[in-house]
Amino acid sequence: MIIGYYPGWEDGFVHKDLIKLRNDGQRKKSAAKLDFDMQMLAATWPRPQFVTIKIMKGHEPLWELIREHQGVAYRIFFCVKKQEI
């Protein structure tokens, strides 16, 4: 699977937020965990391992990746189409 970002394939809201997290000294570990989750999602789809996801009922085909770290719940919404996330 290939990971792209909305609205532009190479750059989007989630990508920009991940960059901010990576540059925040207190949240670098959170960014690393989210990066790991996204890579695991791409590598193990359609049966993701080590990642917490759920379908957004009533909003299919929207999915939600959930990661809690240091008391903060991070959520990334995504769709899957063919070989693209």
PDB file of N, CA and C in Angstrom:
ATOM      1  N   MET A   1       0.837  -1.182   0.000  1.00  0.00           N
ATOM      2  CA  MET A   1       0.000   0.000   0.000  1.00  0.00           C
ATOM      3  C   MET A   1       0.883   1.247   0.000  1.00  0.00           C
ATOM      4  N   ILE A   2       0.364   2.285  -0.604  1.00  0.00           N
ATOM      5  CA  ILE A   2       1.052   3.568  -0.679  1.00  0.00           C
ATOM      6  C   ILE A   2       0.265   4.574   0.163  1.00  0.00           C
ATOM      7  N   ILE A   3       0.969   5.379   0.948  1.00  0.00           N
ATOM      8  CA  ILE A   3       0.321   6.391   1.780  1.00  0.00           C
ATOM      9  C   ILE A   3       0.422   7.743   1.088  1.00  0.00           C
ATOM     10  N   GLY A   4      -0.720   8.393   0.940  1.00  0.00           N
ATOM     11  CA  GLY A   4      -0.766   9.744   0.397  1.00  0.00           C
ATOM     12  C   GLY A   4      -1.508  10.636   1.379  1.00  0.00           C
ATOM     13  N   TYR A   5      -1.438  11.921   1.179  1.00  0.00           N
ATOM     14  CA  TYR A   5      -2.041  12.871   2.103  1.00  0.00           C
ATOM     15  C   TYR A   5      -3.035  13.760   1.379  1.00  0.00           C
ATOM     16  N   TYR A   6      -4.109  14.105   2.065  1.00  0.00           N
ATOM     17  CA  TYR A   6      -5.147  14.980   1.518  1.00  0.00           C
ATOM     18  C   TYR A   6      -4.822  16.412   1.901  1.00  0.00           C
ATOM     19  N   PRO A   7      -5.007  17.392   1.034  1.00  0.00           N
ATOM     20  CA  PRO A   7      -5.592  17.337  -0.291  1.00  0.00           C
ATOM     21  C   PRO A   7      -4.581  17.051  -1.397  1.00  0.00           C
ATOM     22  N   GLY A   8      -3.290  17.261  -1.149  1.00  0.00           N
ATOM     23  CA  GLY A   8      -2.273  16.949  -2.152  1.00  0.00           C
ATOM     24  C   GLY A   8      -1.637  15.618  -1.807  1.00  0.00           C
ATOM     25  N   TRP A   9      -1.225  14.872  -2.779  1.00  0.00           N
ATOM     26  CA  TRP A   9      -0.707  13.524  -2.521  1.00  0.00           C
ATOM     27  C   TRP A   9       0.538  13.549  -1.642  1.00  0.00           C
ATOM     28  N   GLU A  10       1.459  14.452  -1.920  1.00  0.00           N
ATOM     29  CA  GLU A  10       2.710  14.519  -1.169  1.00  0.00           C
ATOM     30  C   GLU A  10       2.620  15.394   0.074  1.00  0.00           C
ATOM     31  N   ASP A  11       1.639  16.258   0.125  1.00  0.00           N
ATOM     32  CA  ASP A  11       1.549  17.210   1.226  1.00  0.00           C
ATOM     33  C   ASP A  11       0.086  17.453   1.556  1.00  0.00           C
ATOM     34  N   GLY A  12      -0.230  17.450   2.826  1.00  0.00           N
ATOM     35  CA  GLY A  12      -1.598  17.681   3.243  1.00  0.00           C
ATOM     36  C   GLY A  12      -1.659  17.974   4.729  1.00  0.00           C
ATOM     37  N   PHE A  13      -2.870  18.063   5.242  1.00  0.00           N
ATOM     38  CA  PHE A  13      -3.087  18.437   6.637  1.00  0.00           C
ATOM     39  C   PHE A  13      -2.396  17.483   7.605  1.00  0.00           C
ATOM     40  N   VAL A  14      -2.588  16.191   7.411  1.00  0.00           N
ATOM     41  CA  VAL A  14      -1.992  15.200   8.318  1.00  0.00           C
ATOM     42  C   VAL A  14      -0.467  15.270   8.234  1.00  0.00           C
ATOM     43  N   HIS A  15       0.050  15.371   7.033  1.00  0.00           N
ATOM     44  CA  HIS A  15       1.503  15.443   6.843  1.00  0.00           C
ATOM     45  C   HIS A  15       2.086  16.656   7.570  1.00  0.00           C
ATOM     46  N   LYS A  16       1.441  17.815   7.436  1.00  0.00           N
ATOM     47  CA  LYS A  16       1.915  19.031   8.103  1.00  0.00           C
ATOM     48  C   LYS A  16       1.853  18.893   9.621  1.00  0.00           C
ATOM     49  N   ASP A  17       0.789  18.277  10.138  1.00  0.00           N
ATOM     50  CA  ASP A  17       0.675  18.080  11.586  1.00  0.00           C
ATOM     51  C   ASP A  17       1.737  17.108  12.096  1.00  0.00           C
ATOM     52  N   LEU A  18       2.042  16.081  11.324  1.00  0.00           N
ATOM     53  CA  LEU A  18       3.104  15.158  11.727  1.00  0.00           C
ATOM     54  C   LEU A  18       4.461  15.862  11.773  1.00  0.00           C
ATOM     55  N   ILE A  19       4.710  16.741  10.829  1.00  0.00           N
ATOM     56  CA  ILE A  19       5.968  17.501  10.831  1.00  0.00           C
ATOM     57  C   ILE A  19       6.046  18.382  12.085  1.00  0.00           C
ATOM     58  N   LYS A  20       4.941  19.025  12.440  1.00  0.00           N
ATOM     59  CA  LYS A  20       4.913  19.844  13.662  1.00  0.00           C
ATOM     60  C   LYS A  20       5.206  18.992  14.892  1.00  0.00           C
ATOM     61  N   LEU A  21       4.614  17.800  14.962  1.00  0.00           N
ATOM     62  CA  LEU A  21       4.858  16.912  16.094  1.00  0.00           C
ATOM     63  C   LEU A  21       6.324  16.492  16.150  1.00  0.00           C
ATOM     64  N   ARG A  22       6.905  16.174  15.010  1.00  0.00           N
ATOM     65  CA  ARG A  22       8.313  15.749  14.965  1.00  0.00           C
ATOM     66  C   ARG A  22       9.252  16.852  15.457  1.00  0.00           C
ATOM     67  N   ASN A  23       8.868  18.105  15.203  1.00  0.00           N
ATOM     68  CA  ASN A  23       9.705  19.240  15.588  1.00  0.00           C
ATOM     69  C   ASN A  23       9.442  19.731  17.008  1.00  0.00           C
ATOM     70  N   ASP A  24       8.412  19.198  17.656  1.00  0.00           N
ATOM     71  CA  ASP A  24       8.083  19.562  19.034  1.00  0.00           C
ATOM     72  C   ASP A  24       8.832  18.606  19.964  1.00  0.00           C
ATOM     73  N   GLY A  25       9.775  19.133  20.722  1.00  0.00           N
ATOM     74  CA  GLY A  25      10.614  18.301  21.579  1.00  0.00           C
ATOM     75  C   GLY A  25       9.847  17.374  22.506  1.00  0.00           C
ATOM     76  N   GLN A  26       8.675  17.793  22.975  1.00  0.00           N
ATOM     77  CA  GLN A  26       7.899  16.974  23.896  1.00  0.00           C
ATOM     78  C   GLN A  26       7.022  15.951  23.189  1.00  0.00           C
ATOM     79  N   ARG A  27       6.844  16.086  21.892  1.00  0.00           N
ATOM     80  CA  ARG A  27       5.934  15.191  21.173  1.00  0.00           C
ATOM     81  C   ARG A  27       6.624  14.365  20.089  1.00  0.00           C
ATOM     82  N   LYS A  28       7.939  14.346  20.073  1.00  0.00           N
ATOM     83  CA  LYS A  28       8.665  13.563  19.069  1.00  0.00           C
ATOM     84  C   LYS A  28       8.305  12.086  19.155  1.00  0.00           C
ATOM     85  N   LYS A  29       8.153  11.567  20.373  1.00  0.00           N
ATOM     86  CA  LYS A  29       7.817  10.150  20.534  1.00  0.00           C
ATOM     87  C   LYS A  29       6.421   9.861  20.009  1.00  0.00           C
ATOM     88  N   SER A  30       5.500  10.796  20.203  1.00  0.00           N
ATOM     89  CA  SER A  30       4.144  10.617  19.672  1.00  0.00           C
ATOM     90  C   SER A  30       4.179  10.558  18.151  1.00  0.00           C
ATOM     91  N   ALA A  31       4.961  11.437  17.544  1.00  0.00           N
ATOM     92  CA  ALA A  31       5.092  11.440  16.084  1.00  0.00           C
ATOM     93  C   ALA A  31       5.692  10.132  15.599  1.00  0.00           C
ATOM     94  N   ALA A  32       6.705   9.629  16.313  1.00  0.00           N
ATOM     95  CA  ALA A  32       7.334   8.358  15.920  1.00  0.00           C
ATOM     96  C   ALA A  32       6.335   7.217  16.002  1.00  0.00           C
ATOM     97  N   LYS A  33       5.496   7.216  17.023  1.00  0.00           N
ATOM     98  CA  LYS A  33       4.482   6.165  17.162  1.00  0.00           C
ATOM     99  C   LYS A  33       3.441   6.253  16.048  1.00  0.00           C
ATOM    100  N   LEU A  34       3.041   7.468  15.694  1.00  0.00           N
ATOM    101  CA  LEU A  34       2.084   7.639  14.596  1.00  0.00           C
ATOM    102  C   LEU A  34       2.704   7.226  13.264  1.00  0.00           C
ATOM    103  N   ASP A  35       3.967   7.570  13.054  1.00  0.00           N
ATOM    104  CA  ASP A  35       4.662   7.142  11.831  1.00  0.00           C
ATOM    105  C   ASP A  35       4.699   5.613  11.754  1.00  0.00           C
ATOM    106  N   PHE A  36       5.020   4.978  12.887  1.00  0.00           N
ATOM    107  CA  PHE A  36       5.044   3.514  12.945  1.00  0.00           C
ATOM    108  C   PHE A  36       3.661   2.939  12.630  1.00  0.00           C
ATOM    109  N   ASP A  37       2.625   3.519  13.236  1.00  0.00           N
ATOM    110  CA  ASP A  37       1.263   3.040  12.993  1.00  0.00           C
ATOM    111  C   ASP A  37       0.892   3.130  11.520  1.00  0.00           C
ATOM    112  N   MET A  38       1.236   4.228  10.884  1.00  0.00           N
ATOM    113  CA  MET A  38       0.893   4.395   9.471  1.00  0.00           C
ATOM    114  C   MET A  38       1.654   3.407   8.597  1.00  0.00           C
ATOM    115  N   GLN A  39       2.922   3.165   8.920  1.00  0.00           N
ATOM    116  CA  GLN A  39       3.696   2.195   8.152  1.00  0.00           C
ATOM    117  C   GLN A  39       3.162   0.777   8.349  1.00  0.00           C
ATOM    118  N   MET A  40       2.778   0.437   9.571  1.00  0.00           N
ATOM    119  CA  MET A  40       2.195  -0.882   9.840  1.00  0.00           C
ATOM    120  C   MET A  40       0.861  -1.040   9.125  1.00  0.00           C
ATOM    121  N   LEU A  41       0.074   0.009   9.111  1.00  0.00           N
ATOM    122  CA  LEU A  41      -1.203  -0.015   8.411  1.00  0.00           C
ATOM    123  C   LEU A  41      -0.983  -0.307   6.934  1.00  0.00           C
ATOM    124  N   ALA A  42      -0.033   0.396   6.330  1.00  0.00           N
ATOM    125  CA  ALA A  42       0.256   0.204   4.907  1.00  0.00           C
ATOM    126  C   ALA A  42       0.814  -1.187   4.631  1.00  0.00           C
ATOM    127  N   ALA A  43       1.644  -1.699   5.531  1.00  0.00           N
ATOM    128  CA  ALA A  43       2.300  -2.992   5.307  1.00  0.00           C
ATOM    129  C   ALA A  43       1.375  -4.181   5.538  1.00  0.00           C
ATOM    130  N   THR A  44       0.388  -4.038   6.418  1.00  0.00           N
ATOM    131  CA  THR A  44      -0.426  -5.197   6.796  1.00  0.00           C
ATOM    132  C   THR A  44      -1.881  -5.107   6.359  1.00  0.00           C
ATOM    133  N   TRP A  45      -2.248  -4.057   5.615  1.00  0.00           N
ATOM    134  CA  TRP A  45      -3.633  -3.930   5.142  1.00  0.00           C
ATOM    135  C   TRP A  45      -3.966  -5.090   4.239  1.00  0.00           C
ATOM    136  N   PRO A  46      -5.090  -5.746   4.273  1.00  0.00           N
ATOM    137  CA  PRO A  46      -6.356  -5.370   4.886  1.00  0.00           C
ATOM    138  C   PRO A  46      -6.564  -5.923   6.293  1.00  0.00           C
ATOM    139  N   ARG A  47      -5.564  -6.564   6.864  1.00  0.00           N
ATOM    140  CA  ARG A  47      -5.689  -7.065   8.237  1.00  0.00           C
ATOM    141  C   ARG A  47      -4.590  -6.432   9.085  1.00  0.00           C
ATOM    142  N   PRO A  48      -4.769  -5.152   9.416  1.00  0.00           N
ATOM    143  CA  PRO A  48      -3.711  -4.430  10.120  1.00  0.00           C
ATOM    144  C   PRO A  48      -3.343  -5.068  11.455  1.00  0.00           C
ATOM    145  N   GLN A  49      -2.063  -5.091  11.730  1.00  0.00           N
ATOM    146  CA  GLN A  49      -1.551  -5.627  12.985  1.00  0.00           C
ATOM    147  C   GLN A  49      -0.874  -4.501  13.755  1.00  0.00           C
ATOM    148  N   PHE A  50      -0.996  -4.550  15.083  1.00  0.00           N
ATOM    149  CA  PHE A  50      -0.353  -3.598  15.982  1.00  0.00           C
ATOM    150  C   PHE A  50      -0.877  -2.174  15.817  1.00  0.00           C
ATOM    151  N   VAL A  51      -2.047  -2.020  15.182  1.00  0.00           N
ATOM    152  CA  VAL A  51      -2.625  -0.703  14.939  1.00  0.00           C
ATOM    153  C   VAL A  51      -4.085  -0.747  15.359  1.00  0.00           C
ATOM    154  N   THR A  52      -4.546   0.308  16.022  1.00  0.00           N
ATOM    155  CA  THR A  52      -5.958   0.398  16.401  1.00  0.00           C
ATOM    156  C   THR A  52      -6.684   1.224  15.358  1.00  0.00           C
ATOM    157  N   ILE A  53      -7.608   0.572  14.640  1.00  0.00           N
ATOM    158  CA  ILE A  53      -8.412   1.280  13.643  1.00  0.00           C
ATOM    159  C   ILE A  53      -9.864   0.870  13.803  1.00  0.00           C
ATOM    160  N   LYS A  54     -10.750   1.700  13.268  1.00  0.00           N
ATOM    161  CA  LYS A  54     -12.162   1.342  13.220  1.00  0.00           C
ATOM    162  C   LYS A  54     -12.801   2.061  12.040  1.00  0.00           C
ATOM    163  N   ILE A  55     -13.857   1.453  11.527  1.00  0.00           N
ATOM    164  CA  ILE A  55     -14.607   2.067  10.433  1.00  0.00           C
ATOM    165  C   ILE A  55     -15.531   3.114  11.031  1.00  0.00           C
ATOM    166  N   MET A  56     -15.724   4.208  10.354  1.00  0.00           N
ATOM    167  CA  MET A  56     -16.616   5.255  10.828  1.00  0.00           C
ATOM    168  C   MET A  56     -18.028   4.927  10.346  1.00  0.00           C
ATOM    169  N   LYS A  57     -18.807   4.324  11.223  1.00  0.00           N
ATOM    170  CA  LYS A  57     -20.172   3.902  10.880  1.00  0.00           C
ATOM    171  C   LYS A  57     -20.979   5.082  10.342  1.00  0.00           C
ATOM    172  N   GLY A  58     -21.626   4.855   9.219  1.00  0.00           N
ATOM    173  CA  GLY A  58     -22.425   5.889   8.586  1.00  0.00           C
ATOM    174  C   GLY A  58     -21.614   6.818   7.689  1.00  0.00           C
ATOM    175  N   HIS A  59     -20.292   6.666   7.714  1.00  0.00           N
ATOM    176  CA  HIS A  59     -19.424   7.515   6.892  1.00  0.00           C
ATOM    177  C   HIS A  59     -18.471   6.675   6.057  1.00  0.00           C
ATOM    178  N   GLU A  60     -18.857   5.435   5.757  1.00  0.00           N
ATOM    179  CA  GLU A  60     -18.014   4.570   4.960  1.00  0.00           C
ATOM    180  C   GLU A  60     -17.733   5.260   3.630  1.00  0.00           C
ATOM    181  N   PRO A  61     -16.562   5.211   3.113  1.00  0.00           N
ATOM    182  CA  PRO A  61     -15.433   4.342   3.411  1.00  0.00           C
ATOM    183  C   PRO A  61     -14.389   4.974   4.341  1.00  0.00           C
ATOM    184  N   LEU A  62     -14.784   5.870   5.226  1.00  0.00           N
ATOM    185  CA  LEU A  62     -13.855   6.547   6.123  1.00  0.00           C
ATOM    186  C   LEU A  62     -13.478   5.653   7.297  1.00  0.00           C
ATOM    187  N   TRP A  63     -12.174   5.576   7.571  1.00  0.00           N
ATOM    188  CA  TRP A  63     -11.628   4.816   8.685  1.00  0.00           C
ATOM    189  C   TRP A  63     -10.943   5.785   9.645  1.00  0.00           C
ATOM    190  N   GLU A  64     -10.704   5.307  10.862  1.00  0.00           N
ATOM    191  CA  GLU A  64     -10.014   6.110  11.869  1.00  0.00           C
ATOM    192  C   GLU A  64      -8.888   5.287  12.487  1.00  0.00           C
ATOM    193  N   LEU A  65      -7.683   5.842  12.488  1.00  0.00           N
ATOM    194  CA  LEU A  65      -6.556   5.260  13.187  1.00  0.00           C
ATOM    195  C   LEU A  65      -6.454   5.997  14.520  1.00  0.00           C
ATOM    196  N   ILE A  66      -6.343   5.244  15.608  1.00  0.00           N
ATOM    197  CA  ILE A  66      -6.332   5.836  16.939  1.00  0.00           C
ATOM    198  C   ILE A  66      -5.038   5.462  17.652  1.00  0.00           C
ATOM    199  N   ARG A  67      -4.376   6.464  18.220  1.00  0.00           N
ATOM    200  CA  ARG A  67      -3.157   6.224  19.000  1.00  0.00           C
ATOM    201  C   ARG A  67      -3.217   7.107  20.244  1.00  0.00           C
ATOM    202  N   GLU A  68      -3.147   6.468  21.406  1.00  0.00           N
ATOM    203  CA  GLU A  68      -3.057   7.221  22.648  1.00  0.00           C
ATOM    204  C   GLU A  68      -1.623   7.174  23.140  1.00  0.00           C
ATOM    205  N   HIS A  69      -1.115   8.346  23.510  1.00  0.00           N
ATOM    206  CA  HIS A  69       0.260   8.425  24.010  1.00  0.00           C
ATOM    207  C   HIS A  69       0.359   9.609  24.968  1.00  0.00           C
ATOM    208  N   GLN A  70       0.867   9.359  26.148  1.00  0.00           N
ATOM    209  CA  GLN A  70       1.048  10.375  27.178  1.00  0.00           C
ATOM    210  C   GLN A  70      -0.229  11.158  27.455  1.00  0.00           C
ATOM    211  N   GLY A  71      -1.342  10.437  27.522  1.00  0.00           N
ATOM    212  CA  GLY A  71      -2.621  11.057  27.866  1.00  0.00           C
ATOM    213  C   GLY A  71      -3.296  11.821  26.751  1.00  0.00           C
ATOM    214  N   VAL A  72      -2.748  11.756  25.546  1.00  0.00           N
ATOM    215  CA  VAL A  72      -3.346  12.451  24.399  1.00  0.00           C
ATOM    216  C   VAL A  72      -3.801  11.403  23.392  1.00  0.00           C
ATOM    217  N   ALA A  73      -5.034  11.561  22.907  1.00  0.00           N
ATOM    218  CA  ALA A  73      -5.556  10.657  21.882  1.00  0.00           C
ATOM    219  C   ALA A  73      -5.358  11.320  20.518  1.00  0.00           C
ATOM    220  N   TYR A  74      -4.545  10.698  19.680  1.00  0.00           N
ATOM    221  CA  TYR A  74      -4.309  11.175  18.321  1.00  0.00           C
ATOM    222  C   TYR A  74      -5.194  10.365  17.387  1.00  0.00           C
ATOM    223  N   ARG A  75      -5.806  11.053  16.427  1.00  0.00           N
ATOM    224  CA  ARG A  75      -6.700  10.385  15.480  1.00  0.00           C
ATOM    225  C   ARG A  75      -6.327  10.810  14.067  1.00  0.00           C
ATOM    226  N   ILE A  76      -6.213   9.822  13.202  1.00  0.00           N
ATOM    227  CA  ILE A  76      -5.959  10.080  11.790  1.00  0.00           C
ATOM    228  C   ILE A  76      -7.080   9.403  11.008  1.00  0.00           C
ATOM    229  N   PHE A  77      -7.771  10.186  10.211  1.00  0.00           N
ATOM    230  CA  PHE A  77      -8.845   9.652   9.385  1.00  0.00           C
ATOM    231  C   PHE A  77      -8.289   9.345   8.002  1.00  0.00           C
ATOM    232  N   PHE A  78      -8.743   8.211   7.445  1.00  0.00           N
ATOM    233  CA  PHE A  78      -8.213   7.810   6.147  1.00  0.00           C
ATOM    234  C   PHE A  78      -9.225   6.985   5.371  1.00  0.00           C
ATOM    235  N   CYS A  79      -9.003   6.895   4.078  1.00  0.00           N
ATOM    236  CA  CYS A  79      -9.777   6.047   3.181  1.00  0.00           C
ATOM    237  C   CYS A  79      -8.791   5.133   2.449  1.00  0.00           C
ATOM    238  N   VAL A  80      -9.294   4.016   1.969  1.00  0.00           N
ATOM    239  CA  VAL A  80      -8.476   3.082   1.206  1.00  0.00           C
ATOM    240  C   VAL A  80      -9.118   2.896  -0.156  1.00  0.00           C
ATOM    241  N   LYS A  81      -8.301   3.041  -1.201  1.00  0.00           N
ATOM    242  CA  LYS A  81      -8.780   2.843  -2.568  1.00  0.00           C
ATOM    243  C   LYS A  81      -7.703   2.088  -3.322  1.00  0.00           C
ATOM    244  N   LYS A  82      -8.036   0.886  -3.746  1.00  0.00           N
ATOM    245  CA  LYS A  82      -7.094   0.001  -4.428  1.00  0.00           C
ATOM    246  C   LYS A  82      -5.846  -0.173  -3.568  1.00  0.00           C
ATOM    247  N   GLN A  83      -4.703   0.343  -4.014  1.00  0.00           N
ATOM    248  CA  GLN A  83      -3.455   0.205  -3.272  1.00  0.00           C
ATOM    249  C   GLN A  83      -3.009   1.507  -2.611  1.00  0.00           C
ATOM    250  N   GLU A  84      -3.969   2.395  -2.345  1.00  0.00           N
ATOM    251  CA  GLU A  84      -3.641   3.712  -1.778  1.00  0.00           C
ATOM    252  C   GLU A  84      -4.397   3.959  -0.478  1.00  0.00           C
ATOM    253  N   ILE A  85      -3.659   4.505   0.490  1.00  0.00           N
ATOM    254  CA  ILE A  85      -4.267   4.941   1.751  1.00  0.00           C
ATOM    255  C   ILE A  85      -4.185   6.452   1.774  1.00  0.00           C
TER     256      ILE A  85
END
